[in-house]
Amino acid sequence: MAELPFLPIKVDALLADTTHLSTEEFGAYCRLLFSMWLHGGRVVDDDGELAAIVGLPLTRWLKMKQKVLRPMTRIGGTISQKRLTDTWLRVQDLRKKKSQAAMQRWAKQRSRHPVK
């Protein structure tokens, strides 16, 4: 899914949220964020799926899960991260506005130069 290939990252906030993580845990955290970005700002709260997303065996994931998920929100069977969700929603809004503006430009252009 290449709909949103670019994730704007606030590096200072990312590092502040993850100072408690080891290098391996940080990698798992980032992979979760990237997956959330591509899937509407959230992932399913399922240990098997989460282990696959972070690229670790289930037993290893279960040992680090609590630390990795600490900066995230778990509600209703999904996991999200507030800052990422806010960014995702802003990007969606911007894309919608740009699309509407383009449609208006095309409509205006067509009305001036109707197809015969």
N, C-alpha and C. Protein backbone atom coordinates (compact mmCIF):
# COMPACT_ATOMS: atom_id res chain seq x y z
N MET A 1 0.86 -1.18 0.00
CA MET A 1 0.00 0.00 0.00
C MET A 1 0.89 1.23 0.00
N ALA A 2 0.99 1.91 -1.13
CA ALA A 2 1.88 3.06 -1.26
C ALA A 2 1.12 4.37 -1.19
N GLU A 3 -0.05 4.37 -0.62
CA GLU A 3 -0.88 5.57 -0.57
C GLU A 3 -0.20 6.70 0.19
N LEU A 4 0.44 6.39 1.30
CA LEU A 4 1.14 7.40 2.09
C LEU A 4 2.58 6.94 2.32
N PRO A 5 3.43 7.05 1.30
CA PRO A 5 4.78 6.51 1.44
C PRO A 5 5.70 7.32 2.34
N PHE A 6 5.34 8.58 2.63
CA PHE A 6 6.21 9.42 3.45
C PHE A 6 5.58 9.68 4.81
N LEU A 7 6.34 9.40 5.85
CA LEU A 7 5.90 9.65 7.22
C LEU A 7 6.72 10.80 7.79
N PRO A 8 6.10 11.96 8.01
CA PRO A 8 6.84 13.05 8.66
C PRO A 8 7.14 12.65 10.11
N ILE A 9 8.39 12.74 10.50
CA ILE A 9 8.79 12.33 11.85
C ILE A 9 9.35 13.52 12.62
N LYS A 10 8.85 13.71 13.81
CA LYS A 10 9.41 14.71 14.72
C LYS A 10 10.49 13.99 15.53
N VAL A 11 11.72 14.15 15.11
CA VAL A 11 12.82 13.38 15.68
C VAL A 11 12.95 13.61 17.18
N ASP A 12 12.82 14.85 17.64
CA ASP A 12 12.96 15.11 19.07
C ASP A 12 11.88 14.37 19.87
N ALA A 13 10.66 14.35 19.37
CA ALA A 13 9.57 13.65 20.07
C ALA A 13 9.78 12.14 20.03
N LEU A 14 10.24 11.62 18.88
CA LEU A 14 10.49 10.19 18.77
C LEU A 14 11.55 9.75 19.77
N LEU A 15 12.63 10.49 19.84
CA LEU A 15 13.70 10.13 20.77
C LEU A 15 13.25 10.28 22.23
N ALA A 16 12.48 11.32 22.52
CA ALA A 16 11.99 11.52 23.89
C ALA A 16 11.05 10.39 24.31
N ASP A 17 10.23 9.90 23.37
CA ASP A 17 9.30 8.81 23.68
C ASP A 17 9.99 7.47 23.86
N THR A 18 11.21 7.35 23.37
CA THR A 18 11.83 6.02 23.31
C THR A 18 13.15 5.89 24.05
N THR A 19 13.47 6.83 24.93
CA THR A 19 14.75 6.75 25.64
C THR A 19 14.86 5.51 26.52
N HIS A 20 13.74 4.94 26.90
CA HIS A 20 13.72 3.75 27.77
C HIS A 20 13.93 2.46 26.99
N LEU A 21 14.03 2.53 25.65
CA LEU A 21 14.11 1.33 24.83
C LEU A 21 15.54 0.98 24.45
N SER A 22 15.81 -0.32 24.35
CA SER A 22 17.08 -0.79 23.81
C SER A 22 17.05 -0.59 22.28
N THR A 23 18.16 -0.83 21.62
CA THR A 23 18.21 -0.70 20.17
C THR A 23 17.21 -1.64 19.50
N GLU A 24 17.14 -2.88 19.96
CA GLU A 24 16.19 -3.85 19.39
C GLU A 24 14.75 -3.40 19.63
N GLU A 25 14.47 -2.92 20.82
CA GLU A 25 13.12 -2.45 21.15
C GLU A 25 12.75 -1.21 20.33
N PHE A 26 13.73 -0.32 20.13
CA PHE A 26 13.50 0.86 19.31
C PHE A 26 13.15 0.46 17.87
N GLY A 27 13.85 -0.51 17.35
CA GLY A 27 13.55 -1.01 16.01
C GLY A 27 12.14 -1.57 15.92
N ALA A 28 11.73 -2.31 16.94
CA ALA A 28 10.37 -2.86 16.98
C ALA A 28 9.35 -1.73 17.04
N TYR A 29 9.62 -0.72 17.85
CA TYR A 29 8.73 0.43 17.99
C TYR A 29 8.56 1.14 16.64
N CYS A 30 9.67 1.39 15.96
CA CYS A 30 9.62 2.07 14.67
C CYS A 30 8.86 1.24 13.64
N ARG A 31 9.08 -0.06 13.63
CA ARG A 31 8.34 -0.91 12.67
C ARG A 31 6.85 -0.85 12.95
N LEU A 32 6.46 -0.78 14.20
CA LEU A 32 5.03 -0.64 14.53
C LEU A 32 4.50 0.69 14.02
N LEU A 33 5.26 1.77 14.24
CA LEU A 33 4.84 3.09 13.75
C LEU A 33 4.67 3.08 12.23
N PHE A 34 5.63 2.48 11.53
CA PHE A 34 5.56 2.46 10.07
C PHE A 34 4.35 1.67 9.59
N SER A 35 4.08 0.57 10.26
CA SER A 35 2.91 -0.24 9.89
C SER A 35 1.62 0.53 10.17
N MET A 36 1.57 1.22 11.30
CA MET A 36 0.40 2.05 11.61
C MET A 36 0.19 3.09 10.52
N TRP A 37 1.26 3.72 10.09
CA TRP A 37 1.17 4.77 9.08
C TRP A 37 0.52 4.24 7.80
N LEU A 38 0.87 3.03 7.43
CA LEU A 38 0.32 2.45 6.20
C LEU A 38 -1.07 1.87 6.37
N HIS A 39 -1.55 1.78 7.61
CA HIS A 39 -2.85 1.14 7.86
C HIS A 39 -3.79 2.02 8.67
N GLY A 40 -3.88 3.27 8.28
CA GLY A 40 -4.87 4.16 8.88
C GLY A 40 -4.56 4.63 10.29
N GLY A 41 -3.31 4.56 10.71
CA GLY A 41 -2.93 5.08 12.01
C GLY A 41 -3.07 4.10 13.16
N ARG A 42 -3.32 2.83 12.84
CA ARG A 42 -3.45 1.84 13.92
C ARG A 42 -3.13 0.44 13.40
N VAL A 43 -2.83 -0.45 14.34
CA VAL A 43 -2.64 -1.87 14.03
C VAL A 43 -3.49 -2.69 15.00
N VAL A 44 -3.73 -3.92 14.62
CA VAL A 44 -4.53 -4.82 15.45
C VAL A 44 -3.72 -5.24 16.67
N ASP A 45 -4.34 -5.27 17.82
CA ASP A 45 -3.69 -5.68 19.07
C ASP A 45 -3.73 -7.20 19.19
N ASP A 46 -2.87 -7.84 18.42
CA ASP A 46 -2.77 -9.30 18.40
C ASP A 46 -1.29 -9.66 18.43
N ASP A 47 -0.87 -10.39 19.46
CA ASP A 47 0.56 -10.65 19.64
C ASP A 47 1.21 -11.35 18.46
N GLY A 48 0.52 -12.29 17.84
CA GLY A 48 1.08 -12.96 16.67
C GLY A 48 1.33 -12.00 15.53
N GLU A 49 0.36 -11.14 15.28
CA GLU A 49 0.50 -10.16 14.20
C GLU A 49 1.56 -9.12 14.54
N LEU A 50 1.59 -8.69 15.79
CA LEU A 50 2.59 -7.69 16.21
C LEU A 50 4.00 -8.27 16.10
N ALA A 51 4.17 -9.52 16.50
CA ALA A 51 5.48 -10.17 16.39
C ALA A 51 5.92 -10.21 14.93
N ALA A 52 4.98 -10.51 14.04
CA ALA A 52 5.30 -10.54 12.61
C ALA A 52 5.67 -9.15 12.10
N ILE A 53 4.95 -8.13 12.53
CA ILE A 53 5.23 -6.76 12.10
C ILE A 53 6.64 -6.34 12.54
N VAL A 54 7.00 -6.64 13.78
CA VAL A 54 8.32 -6.22 14.28
C VAL A 54 9.44 -7.16 13.85
N GLY A 55 9.07 -8.29 13.25
CA GLY A 55 10.08 -9.21 12.72
C GLY A 55 10.79 -10.03 13.77
N LEU A 56 10.07 -10.39 14.83
CA LEU A 56 10.68 -11.17 15.91
C LEU A 56 9.85 -12.41 16.20
N PRO A 57 10.49 -13.44 16.77
CA PRO A 57 9.71 -14.59 17.21
C PRO A 57 8.74 -14.16 18.32
N LEU A 58 7.62 -14.82 18.41
CA LEU A 58 6.59 -14.46 19.39
C LEU A 58 7.15 -14.43 20.80
N THR A 59 7.98 -15.39 21.17
CA THR A 59 8.53 -15.43 22.54
C THR A 59 9.36 -14.18 22.83
N ARG A 60 10.14 -13.72 21.86
CA ARG A 60 10.96 -12.51 22.06
C ARG A 60 10.06 -11.28 22.14
N TRP A 61 9.05 -11.21 21.26
CA TRP A 61 8.12 -10.08 21.28
C TRP A 61 7.43 -9.98 22.64
N LEU A 62 6.97 -11.10 23.17
CA LEU A 62 6.25 -11.08 24.45
C LEU A 62 7.13 -10.56 25.59
N LYS A 63 8.44 -10.79 25.51
CA LYS A 63 9.35 -10.31 26.55
C LYS A 63 9.52 -8.78 26.51
N MET A 64 9.42 -8.20 25.33
CA MET A 64 9.66 -6.74 25.23
C MET A 64 8.39 -5.94 25.03
N LYS A 65 7.29 -6.58 24.82
CA LYS A 65 6.02 -5.95 24.46
C LYS A 65 5.64 -4.76 25.35
N GLN A 66 5.67 -4.94 26.65
CA GLN A 66 5.22 -3.88 27.56
C GLN A 66 6.04 -2.60 27.40
N LYS A 67 7.37 -2.76 27.29
CA LYS A 67 8.22 -1.58 27.13
C LYS A 67 7.98 -0.89 25.80
N VAL A 68 7.86 -1.67 24.73
CA VAL A 68 7.69 -1.11 23.39
C VAL A 68 6.35 -0.38 23.28
N LEU A 69 5.32 -0.94 23.88
CA LEU A 69 3.98 -0.36 23.75
C LEU A 69 3.70 0.76 24.76
N ARG A 70 4.61 1.01 25.67
CA ARG A 70 4.38 2.03 26.71
C ARG A 70 3.94 3.39 26.14
N PRO A 71 4.56 3.91 25.07
CA PRO A 71 4.12 5.22 24.55
C PRO A 71 2.87 5.15 23.65
N MET A 72 2.31 3.98 23.51
CA MET A 72 1.18 3.80 22.61
C MET A 72 -0.13 3.65 23.38
N THR A 73 -1.23 3.70 22.64
CA THR A 73 -2.56 3.59 23.22
C THR A 73 -3.21 2.31 22.74
N ARG A 74 -3.73 1.54 23.67
CA ARG A 74 -4.43 0.28 23.33
C ARG A 74 -5.90 0.44 23.68
N ILE A 75 -6.75 0.46 22.65
CA ILE A 75 -8.19 0.61 22.86
C ILE A 75 -8.93 -0.24 21.84
N GLY A 76 -9.93 -0.96 22.31
CA GLY A 76 -10.83 -1.67 21.41
C GLY A 76 -10.18 -2.63 20.44
N GLY A 77 -9.15 -3.31 20.87
CA GLY A 77 -8.50 -4.29 20.01
C GLY A 77 -7.53 -3.70 19.00
N THR A 78 -7.22 -2.42 19.15
CA THR A 78 -6.23 -1.80 18.26
C THR A 78 -5.19 -1.05 19.08
N ILE A 79 -4.08 -0.77 18.43
CA ILE A 79 -3.00 0.00 19.04
C ILE A 79 -2.72 1.19 18.14
N SER A 80 -2.57 2.36 18.76
CA SER A 80 -2.24 3.56 18.01
C SER A 80 -1.22 4.36 18.81
N GLN A 81 -0.75 5.43 18.20
CA GLN A 81 0.19 6.31 18.87
C GLN A 81 -0.30 7.73 18.60
N LYS A 82 -0.57 8.46 19.64
CA LYS A 82 -1.26 9.76 19.53
C LYS A 82 -0.64 10.70 18.50
N ARG A 83 0.65 10.91 18.56
CA ARG A 83 1.30 11.85 17.64
C ARG A 83 1.18 11.37 16.20
N LEU A 84 1.39 10.07 15.98
CA LEU A 84 1.28 9.52 14.63
C LEU A 84 -0.15 9.66 14.12
N THR A 85 -1.14 9.38 14.96
CA THR A 85 -2.54 9.51 14.56
C THR A 85 -2.86 10.95 14.18
N ASP A 86 -2.41 11.90 14.98
CA ASP A 86 -2.64 13.31 14.67
C ASP A 86 -2.01 13.69 13.33
N THR A 87 -0.79 13.23 13.10
CA THR A 87 -0.11 13.52 11.83
C THR A 87 -0.84 12.87 10.67
N TRP A 88 -1.26 11.62 10.84
CA TRP A 88 -1.98 10.89 9.80
C TRP A 88 -3.26 11.63 9.42
N LEU A 89 -4.00 12.09 10.42
CA LEU A 89 -5.25 12.81 10.17
C LEU A 89 -4.99 14.14 9.46
N ARG A 90 -3.94 14.86 9.85
CA ARG A 90 -3.59 16.12 9.18
C ARG A 90 -3.22 15.89 7.72
N VAL A 91 -2.45 14.83 7.48
CA VAL A 91 -2.06 14.52 6.09
C VAL A 91 -3.29 14.14 5.27
N GLN A 92 -4.20 13.37 5.86
CA GLN A 92 -5.43 13.01 5.14
C GLN A 92 -6.24 14.26 4.80
N ASP A 93 -6.35 15.19 5.74
CA ASP A 93 -7.09 16.42 5.51
C ASP A 93 -6.44 17.24 4.40
N LEU A 94 -5.13 17.34 4.42
CA LEU A 94 -4.40 18.08 3.40
C LEU A 94 -4.61 17.44 2.03
N ARG A 95 -4.52 16.12 1.95
CA ARG A 95 -4.74 15.42 0.69
C ARG A 95 -6.14 15.67 0.16
N LYS A 96 -7.11 15.66 1.04
CA LYS A 96 -8.50 15.90 0.64
C LYS A 96 -8.66 17.32 0.08
N LYS A 97 -8.09 18.30 0.77
CA LYS A 97 -8.17 19.68 0.32
C LYS A 97 -7.49 19.88 -1.03
N LYS A 98 -6.33 19.25 -1.21
CA LYS A 98 -5.63 19.36 -2.49
C LYS A 98 -6.43 18.71 -3.61
N SER A 99 -7.03 17.58 -3.32
CA SER A 99 -7.86 16.89 -4.32
C SER A 99 -9.06 17.74 -4.71
N GLN A 100 -9.72 18.33 -3.72
CA GLN A 100 -10.88 19.18 -4.00
C GLN A 100 -10.47 20.41 -4.82
N ALA A 101 -9.34 21.00 -4.50
CA ALA A 101 -8.86 22.16 -5.24
C ALA A 101 -8.56 21.78 -6.69
N ALA A 102 -7.96 20.62 -6.89
CA ALA A 102 -7.66 20.17 -8.25
C ALA A 102 -8.94 19.92 -9.02
N MET A 103 -9.93 19.32 -8.39
CA MET A 103 -11.21 19.06 -9.05
C MET A 103 -11.88 20.38 -9.43
N GLN A 104 -11.80 21.38 -8.57
CA GLN A 104 -12.38 22.69 -8.88
C GLN A 104 -11.66 23.34 -10.06
N ARG A 105 -10.34 23.22 -10.09
CA ARG A 105 -9.58 23.78 -11.22
C ARG A 105 -9.98 23.11 -12.52
N TRP A 106 -10.10 21.78 -12.51
CA TRP A 106 -10.49 21.04 -13.71
C TRP A 106 -11.91 21.41 -14.14
N ALA A 107 -12.81 21.54 -13.20
CA ALA A 107 -14.19 21.90 -13.52
C ALA A 107 -14.24 23.29 -14.15
N LYS A 108 -13.47 24.21 -13.59
CA LYS A 108 -13.42 25.58 -14.12
C LYS A 108 -12.86 25.57 -15.53
N GLN A 109 -11.81 24.79 -15.74
CA GLN A 109 -11.17 24.70 -17.05
C GLN A 109 -12.12 24.11 -18.08
N ARG A 110 -12.85 23.07 -17.69
CA ARG A 110 -13.81 22.43 -18.61
C ARG A 110 -14.95 23.37 -18.96
N SER A 111 -15.38 24.18 -18.00
CA SER A 111 -16.49 25.09 -18.30
C SER A 111 -16.07 26.20 -19.28
N ARG A 112 -14.82 26.56 -19.26
CA ARG A 112 -14.32 27.56 -20.20
C ARG A 112 -14.04 26.97 -21.58
N HIS A 113 -13.70 25.69 -21.61
CA HIS A 113 -13.34 25.02 -22.88
C HIS A 113 -14.12 23.72 -22.98
N PRO A 114 -15.42 23.79 -23.25
CA PRO A 114 -16.22 22.57 -23.33
C PRO A 114 -15.77 21.67 -24.47
N VAL A 115 -15.86 20.38 -24.24
CA VAL A 115 -15.50 19.38 -25.25
C VAL A 115 -16.64 19.32 -26.26
N LYS A 116 -16.28 19.31 -27.56
CA LYS A 116 -17.29 19.28 -28.61
C LYS A 116 -17.59 17.88 -29.06
